[in-house]
Amino acid sequence: MSSTINYAIIGSGMMGREHIQNISLLDDAEVTALFDPNDEQLSLSMKLAPKAAVYRDVRDLVKDTGVDAFVIASPNHTHVDILKEILPSDCRPILAEKPLCTTIDDCRSIARLAEQYKAPVWVAMEYRYMPAVAQLINRVEAGEVGDPKMIAVQEHRFPFLSKVGDWNRFNVNTGGTLVEKCCHFFDLMRFIAHDNAVRVYASGAADVNFLDERYDGKTPDIIDNAFVIVDFASGKRASLSLCMFCDGSYFQEEITVLGPRGKLECLVPGPDRLWAVDRIEDIGHSTGFTGRHRDSEIVFSPRSPKGPIRDVVSVDTNLQMAGDHQGSTFYQHQKFYDVVRGSGTVEVTVDDGLQAVLIGLAAEQSIREHRAIDIAEI
């Protein structure tokens, strides 16, 4: 391996470009290969990585011996075939965007291949690395609220953005909203609880977004709002409140952990560039930061003495300019860089990715069947 780590970006859409921008902030790191079948997306990514070789077939990219690590940021339903192209015959580190796959069978198939793979595989769960969320996790681990008993996640946000071919309008491509979007939150629940889910109950629907859109005569079937309750083996429980027609929320995510000593809340604003426009359609394919700083907050409410203690968490402007996730993509890449160098440890494993998808699929099934779903069923 040379002194510079050479990355291949597989999928050069909006998230692929966020990866390119954050890799460019690392020392001794460069994007040297790009894959995407879409000319427009490739053109936008080439502006950020002008020296990168361009591939139209992922099999040709995998043959590029100058690549040190792969970053998979293609549409959800393509992950399984790309991973099946790399895992059986390669030995270079992989950072695979969430969700790992869109079905449990595909996740398990990839997990079996990953067990034999001779290089690290990291599933990209950026929310763990948002500065405010990371502080929340550290304070919970330090015992500030005692042993966590309840975890509540609220995400009230903008609708899904327009993607190439609007692939994200259908469950068959995304795995469902509670897989595509919410696997992040189910991962956080598991991570904070140090436990696996045993039962999931959800209620949700497609009530507002995309109802007037048609694709080959079909109406989008992704839900846009839901409540989800997750029971863990230890008796701990978690809840999710999701609304995707709530563009006006100042704080997009509110994550709360409750224990016998009190309550910790983490309040995270949504992407600055989306808050700055009146119509989501106006943002096009842009990424980055408009310059309007909106800080996160952490609020501790002890049982005694009563009264909230509020801390502000700011994110470096350069990191906000590099993407939509409060700098978390950069911090994740710092840790993955160490893994590629051989000095770090994978923090989000293939099993973590599988378990998060499992909860999301159980929640989607619960909505369809109007009943609680035991994880053992899946």
Protein backbone atom coordinates (compact mmCIF):
# COMPACT_ATOMS: atom_id res chain seq x y z
CA MET A 1 0.00 0.00 0.00
CA SER A 2 1.30 3.44 -0.94
CA SER A 3 1.49 6.36 1.49
CA THR A 4 -1.80 7.63 0.03
CA ILE A 5 -4.98 5.56 0.41
CA ASN A 6 -6.76 5.26 -2.92
CA TYR A 7 -10.55 4.93 -2.70
CA ALA A 8 -13.08 3.68 -5.24
CA ILE A 9 -16.57 5.17 -4.97
CA ILE A 10 -19.24 2.79 -6.25
CA GLY A 11 -22.33 4.90 -6.84
CA SER A 12 -21.64 8.58 -7.49
CA GLY A 13 -24.97 10.11 -6.51
CA MET A 14 -25.60 12.54 -3.68
CA MET A 15 -24.24 10.27 -0.94
CA GLY A 16 -21.34 9.17 -3.11
CA ARG A 17 -20.37 12.82 -3.52
CA GLU A 18 -20.60 13.35 0.23
CA HIS A 19 -18.09 10.52 0.64
CA ILE A 20 -15.79 12.11 -1.96
CA GLN A 21 -15.93 15.48 -0.21
CA ASN A 22 -15.11 13.98 3.17
CA ILE A 23 -12.32 11.75 1.89
CA SER A 24 -10.76 14.89 0.43
CA LEU A 25 -10.51 16.29 3.97
CA LEU A 26 -8.36 13.37 5.12
CA ASP A 27 -4.57 13.49 4.90
CA ASP A 28 -3.02 11.06 2.41
CA ALA A 29 -6.34 9.99 0.91
CA GLU A 30 -7.68 10.30 -2.63
CA VAL A 31 -10.58 9.07 -4.73
CA THR A 32 -8.98 7.39 -7.76
CA ALA A 33 -11.91 5.41 -9.21
CA LEU A 34 -15.61 6.07 -9.81
CA PHE A 35 -18.42 3.79 -10.92
CA ASP A 36 -21.92 4.80 -11.93
CA PRO A 37 -24.07 3.93 -14.95
CA ASN A 38 -25.61 7.41 -14.96
CA ASP A 39 -23.76 10.07 -16.98
CA GLU A 40 -25.13 13.04 -15.05
CA GLN A 41 -24.14 11.64 -11.67
CA LEU A 42 -20.68 10.69 -12.94
CA SER A 43 -20.17 14.17 -14.33
CA LEU A 44 -21.05 15.79 -10.99
CA SER A 45 -18.72 13.45 -9.11
CA MET A 46 -15.86 13.92 -11.56
CA LYS A 47 -15.86 17.62 -10.69
CA LEU A 48 -14.98 16.59 -7.12
CA ALA A 49 -12.51 13.86 -8.12
CA PRO A 50 -11.13 14.99 -11.51
CA LYS A 51 -8.22 12.52 -11.50
CA ALA A 52 -10.38 9.46 -10.88
CA ALA A 53 -10.65 6.69 -13.45
CA VAL A 54 -14.24 6.17 -14.58
CA TYR A 55 -15.84 2.74 -14.85
CA ARG A 56 -19.16 1.69 -16.35
CA ASP A 57 -18.93 -1.92 -15.17
CA VAL A 58 -18.24 -2.65 -11.50
CA ARG A 59 -16.37 -5.80 -12.54
CA ASP A 60 -13.80 -3.67 -14.33
CA LEU A 61 -13.45 -1.37 -11.33
CA VAL A 62 -12.75 -4.33 -9.05
CA LYS A 63 -9.83 -5.27 -11.33
CA ASP A 64 -8.19 -1.87 -10.67
CA THR A 65 -5.20 -2.89 -8.54
CA GLY A 66 -4.47 0.72 -7.66
CA VAL A 67 -7.57 0.86 -5.43
CA ASP A 68 -6.96 0.30 -1.69
CA ALA A 69 -10.57 0.43 -0.42
CA PHE A 70 -14.12 0.39 -1.75
CA VAL A 71 -16.97 2.70 -0.70
CA ILE A 72 -20.40 1.43 -1.80
CA ALA A 73 -22.93 4.26 -2.06
CA SER A 74 -25.20 2.94 -4.81
CA PRO A 75 -29.00 2.48 -4.53
CA ASN A 76 -30.06 0.09 -1.75
CA HIS A 77 -31.20 -2.77 -3.96
CA THR A 78 -27.87 -2.86 -5.81
CA HIS A 79 -25.75 -3.49 -2.71
CA VAL A 80 -26.18 -7.25 -2.74
CA ASP A 81 -24.93 -7.78 -6.30
CA ILE A 82 -22.00 -5.39 -5.83
CA LEU A 83 -20.95 -7.10 -2.61
CA LYS A 84 -21.28 -10.49 -4.28
CA GLU A 85 -18.91 -9.23 -6.97
CA ILE A 86 -16.27 -8.18 -4.43
CA LEU A 87 -16.52 -10.54 -1.46
CA PRO A 88 -15.80 -13.94 -3.07
CA SER A 89 -12.53 -12.97 -4.75
CA ASP A 90 -11.06 -9.79 -3.25
CA CYS A 91 -9.26 -8.78 -0.08
CA ARG A 92 -9.56 -5.00 0.22
CA PRO A 93 -11.52 -3.10 2.92
CA ILE A 94 -15.14 -2.17 2.18
CA LEU A 95 -17.31 0.63 3.58
CA ALA A 96 -20.88 -0.24 2.55
CA GLU A 97 -23.63 2.34 2.94
CA LYS A 98 -26.74 1.50 4.90
CA PRO A 99 -28.93 -0.44 4.57
CA LEU A 100 -26.65 -3.43 4.12
CA CYS A 101 -29.30 -5.01 1.83
CA THR A 102 -33.05 -4.72 1.40
CA THR A 103 -34.12 -8.26 2.36
CA ILE A 104 -33.11 -10.49 5.23
CA ASP A 105 -32.14 -13.30 2.86
CA ASP A 106 -29.76 -10.99 1.02
CA CYS A 107 -28.31 -9.72 4.31
CA ARG A 108 -27.68 -13.27 5.49
CA SER A 109 -26.14 -14.20 2.15
CA ILE A 110 -23.73 -11.27 2.43
CA ALA A 111 -23.01 -12.09 6.08
CA ARG A 112 -21.95 -15.61 5.09
CA LEU A 113 -19.63 -14.26 2.40
CA ALA A 114 -18.22 -11.64 4.77
CA GLU A 115 -17.30 -14.33 7.30
CA GLN A 116 -14.82 -15.73 4.77
CA TYR A 117 -13.63 -12.34 3.51
CA LYS A 118 -10.03 -11.60 4.40
CA ALA A 119 -10.45 -7.84 4.75
CA PRO A 120 -12.61 -5.60 6.97
CA VAL A 121 -16.21 -4.77 6.05
CA TRP A 122 -17.76 -1.70 7.74
CA VAL A 123 -21.46 -0.81 7.39
CA ALA A 124 -21.90 2.96 7.19
CA MET A 125 -24.13 4.09 10.06
CA GLU A 126 -23.25 7.78 10.06
CA TYR A 127 -25.62 8.77 12.85
CA ARG A 128 -23.39 7.13 15.46
CA TYR A 129 -20.73 9.71 14.57
CA MET A 130 -22.74 12.92 14.65
CA PRO A 131 -20.90 14.93 17.33
CA ALA A 132 -24.00 15.49 19.47
CA VAL A 133 -25.13 11.86 19.16
CA ALA A 134 -21.62 10.63 19.99
CA GLN A 135 -21.62 12.84 23.10
CA LEU A 136 -25.03 11.49 24.10
CA ILE A 137 -23.78 7.91 23.75
CA ASN A 138 -20.63 8.66 25.75
CA ARG A 139 -22.63 10.27 28.57
CA VAL A 140 -25.02 7.33 28.70
CA GLU A 141 -22.03 4.96 28.81
CA ALA A 142 -20.59 7.02 31.68
CA GLY A 143 -23.75 6.29 33.70
CA GLU A 144 -25.29 9.75 33.67
CA VAL A 145 -28.87 8.42 33.55
CA GLY A 146 -28.06 5.06 35.11
CA ASP A 147 -28.86 1.83 33.28
CA PRO A 148 -31.02 2.93 30.29
CA LYS A 149 -34.59 1.65 30.42
CA MET A 150 -36.24 3.59 27.60
CA ILE A 151 -34.91 5.03 24.34
CA ALA A 152 -37.04 7.35 22.20
CA VAL A 153 -36.14 8.60 18.73
CA GLN A 154 -38.16 11.25 16.95
CA GLU A 155 -37.39 12.22 13.36
CA HIS A 156 -39.65 14.87 11.87
CA ARG A 157 -38.18 15.85 8.52
CA PHE A 158 -38.53 16.59 4.82
CA PRO A 159 -39.74 13.99 2.28
CA PHE A 160 -37.40 11.67 0.45
CA LEU A 161 -35.38 13.60 -2.11
CA SER A 162 -35.60 12.87 -5.82
CA LYS A 163 -33.11 10.21 -6.92
CA VAL A 164 -32.07 8.90 -10.32
CA GLY A 165 -35.12 7.25 -11.81
CA ASP A 166 -36.88 7.92 -8.49
CA TRP A 167 -35.77 4.46 -7.38
CA ASN A 168 -36.49 5.42 -3.78
CA ARG A 169 -40.24 5.61 -4.33
CA PHE A 170 -40.83 1.85 -4.01
CA ASN A 171 -40.31 -0.70 -1.24
CA VAL A 172 -38.85 -3.25 -3.64
CA ASN A 173 -35.86 -0.95 -4.15
CA THR A 174 -35.50 0.57 -0.70
CA GLY A 175 -36.59 -2.24 1.62
CA GLY A 176 -39.27 0.18 2.84
CA THR A 177 -38.97 3.52 4.60
CA LEU A 178 -38.34 1.87 7.96
CA VAL A 179 -35.38 0.03 6.43
CA GLU A 180 -34.05 2.74 4.10
CA LYS A 181 -34.25 5.67 6.47
CA CYS A 182 -34.72 4.22 9.92
CA CYS A 183 -32.10 1.48 10.07
CA HIS A 184 -29.90 4.30 11.45
CA PHE A 185 -32.20 4.66 14.44
CA PHE A 186 -32.65 0.96 15.04
CA ASP A 187 -28.85 0.70 15.04
CA LEU A 188 -28.64 3.47 17.64
CA MET A 189 -31.28 1.75 19.79
CA ARG A 190 -29.32 -1.54 19.75
CA PHE A 191 -26.04 0.26 20.36
CA ILE A 192 -27.32 2.20 23.37
CA ALA A 193 -29.25 -0.77 24.80
CA HIS A 194 -26.38 -3.22 24.23
CA ASP A 195 -29.06 -5.70 23.26
CA ASN A 196 -30.97 -7.28 20.40
CA ALA A 197 -34.62 -6.77 19.60
CA VAL A 198 -37.11 -9.56 20.21
CA ARG A 199 -40.41 -7.96 19.19
CA VAL A 200 -41.54 -5.04 17.04
CA TYR A 201 -44.90 -3.32 16.70
CA ALA A 202 -45.51 -0.53 14.20
CA SER A 203 -48.32 1.58 12.83
CA GLY A 204 -47.78 3.69 9.74
CA ALA A 205 -49.03 4.72 6.32
CA ALA A 206 -48.43 6.68 3.12
CA ASP A 207 -50.68 9.66 3.81
CA VAL A 208 -49.16 12.73 2.16
CA ASN A 209 -46.05 12.34 0.01
CA PHE A 210 -45.91 11.32 -3.68
CA LEU A 211 -49.58 10.29 -3.87
CA ASP A 212 -49.96 12.03 -7.24
CA GLU A 213 -46.86 10.43 -8.79
CA ARG A 214 -47.06 7.47 -11.19
CA TYR A 215 -44.32 5.22 -12.53
CA ASP A 216 -45.42 2.79 -15.23
CA GLY A 217 -48.89 3.28 -13.84
CA LYS A 218 -47.84 2.46 -10.28
CA THR A 219 -48.22 4.75 -7.26
CA PRO A 220 -45.24 4.93 -4.86
CA ASP A 221 -45.75 2.59 -1.90
CA ILE A 222 -43.23 3.90 0.63
CA ILE A 223 -44.77 5.08 3.89
CA ASP A 224 -44.24 8.65 5.08
CA ASN A 225 -45.15 8.42 8.78
CA ALA A 226 -45.04 5.78 11.49
CA PHE A 227 -44.80 4.92 15.15
CA VAL A 228 -42.59 1.93 16.04
CA ILE A 229 -42.11 0.18 19.40
CA VAL A 230 -39.15 -2.16 19.86
CA ASP A 231 -38.86 -4.62 22.77
CA PHE A 232 -35.39 -5.88 23.67
CA ALA A 233 -34.42 -9.20 25.24
CA SER A 234 -33.41 -7.50 28.50
CA GLY A 235 -36.79 -5.80 28.91
CA LYS A 236 -35.50 -2.44 27.70
CA ARG A 237 -37.72 -0.79 25.13
CA ALA A 238 -37.45 1.85 22.46
CA SER A 239 -39.79 3.90 20.31
CA LEU A 240 -39.59 5.77 17.02
CA SER A 241 -41.80 8.61 15.84
CA LEU A 242 -41.27 9.30 12.14
CA CYS A 243 -42.89 12.01 10.04
CA MET A 244 -41.59 12.81 6.55
CA PHE A 245 -43.80 15.79 5.79
CA CYS A 246 -42.46 18.01 8.53
CA ASP A 247 -39.98 20.21 6.67
CA GLY A 248 -40.49 23.06 9.13
CA SER A 249 -39.05 21.28 12.17
CA TYR A 250 -36.05 23.21 13.51
CA PHE A 251 -34.65 20.06 15.10
CA GLN A 252 -34.89 17.11 12.73
CA GLU A 253 -33.87 14.40 15.20
CA GLU A 254 -34.58 14.23 18.91
CA ILE A 255 -33.01 11.25 20.67
CA THR A 256 -33.90 10.64 24.31
CA VAL A 257 -32.46 8.12 26.77
CA LEU A 258 -34.20 7.62 30.11
CA GLY A 259 -32.91 5.82 33.16
CA PRO A 260 -33.35 5.80 36.96
CA ARG A 261 -31.14 8.88 37.35
CA GLY A 262 -32.78 11.11 34.78
CA LYS A 263 -33.17 11.95 31.13
CA LEU A 264 -30.68 12.84 28.38
CA GLU A 265 -31.90 14.44 25.17
CA CYS A 266 -29.99 15.06 21.96
CA LEU A 267 -31.49 17.63 19.56
CA VAL A 268 -30.05 17.70 16.03
CA PRO A 269 -31.03 20.15 13.26
CA GLY A 270 -31.53 18.91 9.74
CA PRO A 271 -29.26 19.79 6.81
CA ASP A 272 -28.77 23.52 6.56
CA ARG A 273 -29.21 23.61 2.77
CA LEU A 274 -32.65 21.99 3.01
CA TRP A 275 -33.82 24.34 5.75
CA ALA A 276 -32.80 27.27 3.54
CA VAL A 277 -35.24 26.52 0.68
CA ASP A 278 -39.02 26.71 0.62
CA ARG A 279 -39.38 23.88 -1.92
CA ILE A 280 -37.36 20.68 -1.68
CA GLU A 281 -37.47 20.47 -5.48
CA ASP A 282 -35.29 23.59 -5.67
CA ILE A 283 -32.14 21.97 -4.27
CA GLY A 284 -31.39 19.82 -7.32
CA HIS A 285 -28.26 17.71 -6.89
CA SER A 286 -26.44 20.13 -4.62
CA THR A 287 -24.67 19.21 -1.43
CA GLY A 288 -23.10 21.27 1.30
CA PHE A 289 -23.70 24.24 3.54
CA THR A 290 -25.24 27.68 3.02
CA GLY A 291 -23.43 29.25 5.96
CA ARG A 292 -26.32 29.41 8.40
CA HIS A 293 -25.01 27.66 11.50
CA ARG A 294 -27.65 25.80 13.48
CA ASP A 295 -26.20 24.03 16.49
CA SER A 296 -27.20 20.78 18.13
CA GLU A 297 -28.07 20.64 21.80
CA ILE A 298 -27.82 18.10 24.60
CA VAL A 299 -30.17 18.52 27.54
CA PHE A 300 -29.73 16.65 30.83
CA SER A 301 -32.71 16.56 33.18
CA PRO A 302 -31.65 14.88 36.45
CA ARG A 303 -34.29 13.73 38.91
CA SER A 304 -32.57 15.70 41.64
CA PRO A 305 -31.82 18.55 41.68
CA LYS A 306 -34.53 19.24 39.12
CA GLY A 307 -33.90 21.58 36.24
CA PRO A 308 -32.47 20.94 32.77
CA ILE A 309 -28.79 21.50 32.00
CA ARG A 310 -28.34 22.49 28.37
CA ASP A 311 -25.13 22.17 26.33
CA VAL A 312 -24.61 23.42 22.77
CA VAL A 313 -22.71 21.25 20.28
CA SER A 314 -21.29 23.01 17.23
CA VAL A 315 -19.93 21.43 14.07
CA ASP A 316 -16.94 22.75 12.14
CA THR A 317 -17.95 24.75 9.06
CA ASN A 318 -15.65 22.73 6.78
CA LEU A 319 -17.43 19.55 7.81
CA GLN A 320 -20.86 21.08 7.26
CA MET A 321 -19.77 22.15 3.79
CA ALA A 322 -18.82 18.53 3.03
CA GLY A 323 -22.25 17.00 3.51
CA ASP A 324 -25.63 16.73 5.15
CA HIS A 325 -24.87 14.69 8.27
CA GLN A 326 -23.40 17.10 10.82
CA GLY A 327 -19.81 16.07 10.15
CA SER A 328 -20.48 12.42 10.93
CA THR A 329 -19.36 11.17 7.51
CA PHE A 330 -15.93 12.69 8.11
CA TYR A 331 -15.55 11.20 11.59
CA GLN A 332 -16.66 7.82 10.26
CA HIS A 333 -14.08 8.08 7.47
CA GLN A 334 -11.35 8.93 9.97
CA LYS A 335 -12.02 5.64 11.74
CA PHE A 336 -12.39 3.67 8.51
CA TYR A 337 -9.09 5.16 7.28
CA ASP A 338 -7.39 3.70 10.37
CA VAL A 339 -8.98 0.33 9.56
CA VAL A 340 -7.64 0.47 6.00
CA ARG A 341 -4.21 1.31 7.40
CA GLY A 342 -4.42 -1.68 9.72
CA SER A 343 -4.45 0.31 12.95
CA GLY A 344 -8.19 0.50 13.64
CA THR A 345 -11.11 -1.79 14.42
CA VAL A 346 -14.41 -2.07 12.56
CA GLU A 347 -17.04 -0.42 14.77
CA VAL A 348 -20.17 -1.19 12.72
CA THR A 349 -20.09 -4.81 11.65
CA VAL A 350 -22.01 -6.75 9.02
CA ASP A 351 -24.06 -8.25 11.85
CA ASP A 352 -24.89 -4.73 13.09
CA GLY A 353 -26.10 -3.92 9.59
CA LEU A 354 -28.14 -7.12 9.41
CA GLN A 355 -29.77 -6.56 12.82
CA ALA A 356 -30.80 -2.99 11.93
CA VAL A 357 -32.40 -4.18 8.67
CA LEU A 358 -34.12 -6.99 10.58
CA ILE A 359 -35.87 -4.53 12.90
CA GLY A 360 -36.88 -2.34 9.95
CA LEU A 361 -38.32 -5.28 8.02
CA ALA A 362 -40.21 -6.44 11.10
CA ALA A 363 -41.69 -2.95 11.47
CA GLU A 364 -42.74 -2.88 7.80
CA GLN A 365 -44.36 -6.32 8.20
CA SER A 366 -46.11 -5.18 11.37
CA ILE A 367 -47.70 -2.28 9.49
CA ARG A 368 -48.89 -4.54 6.69
CA GLU A 369 -50.29 -7.22 9.01
CA HIS A 370 -51.55 -5.00 11.87
CA ARG A 371 -49.85 -7.09 14.55
CA ALA A 372 -46.71 -7.33 16.63
CA ILE A 373 -43.89 -9.28 14.94
CA ASP A 374 -41.54 -11.52 16.89
CA ILE A 375 -38.05 -11.23 15.48
CA ALA A 376 -37.81 -15.03 15.56
CA GLU A 377 -40.46 -15.13 12.82
CA ILE A 378 -38.08 -13.38 10.45
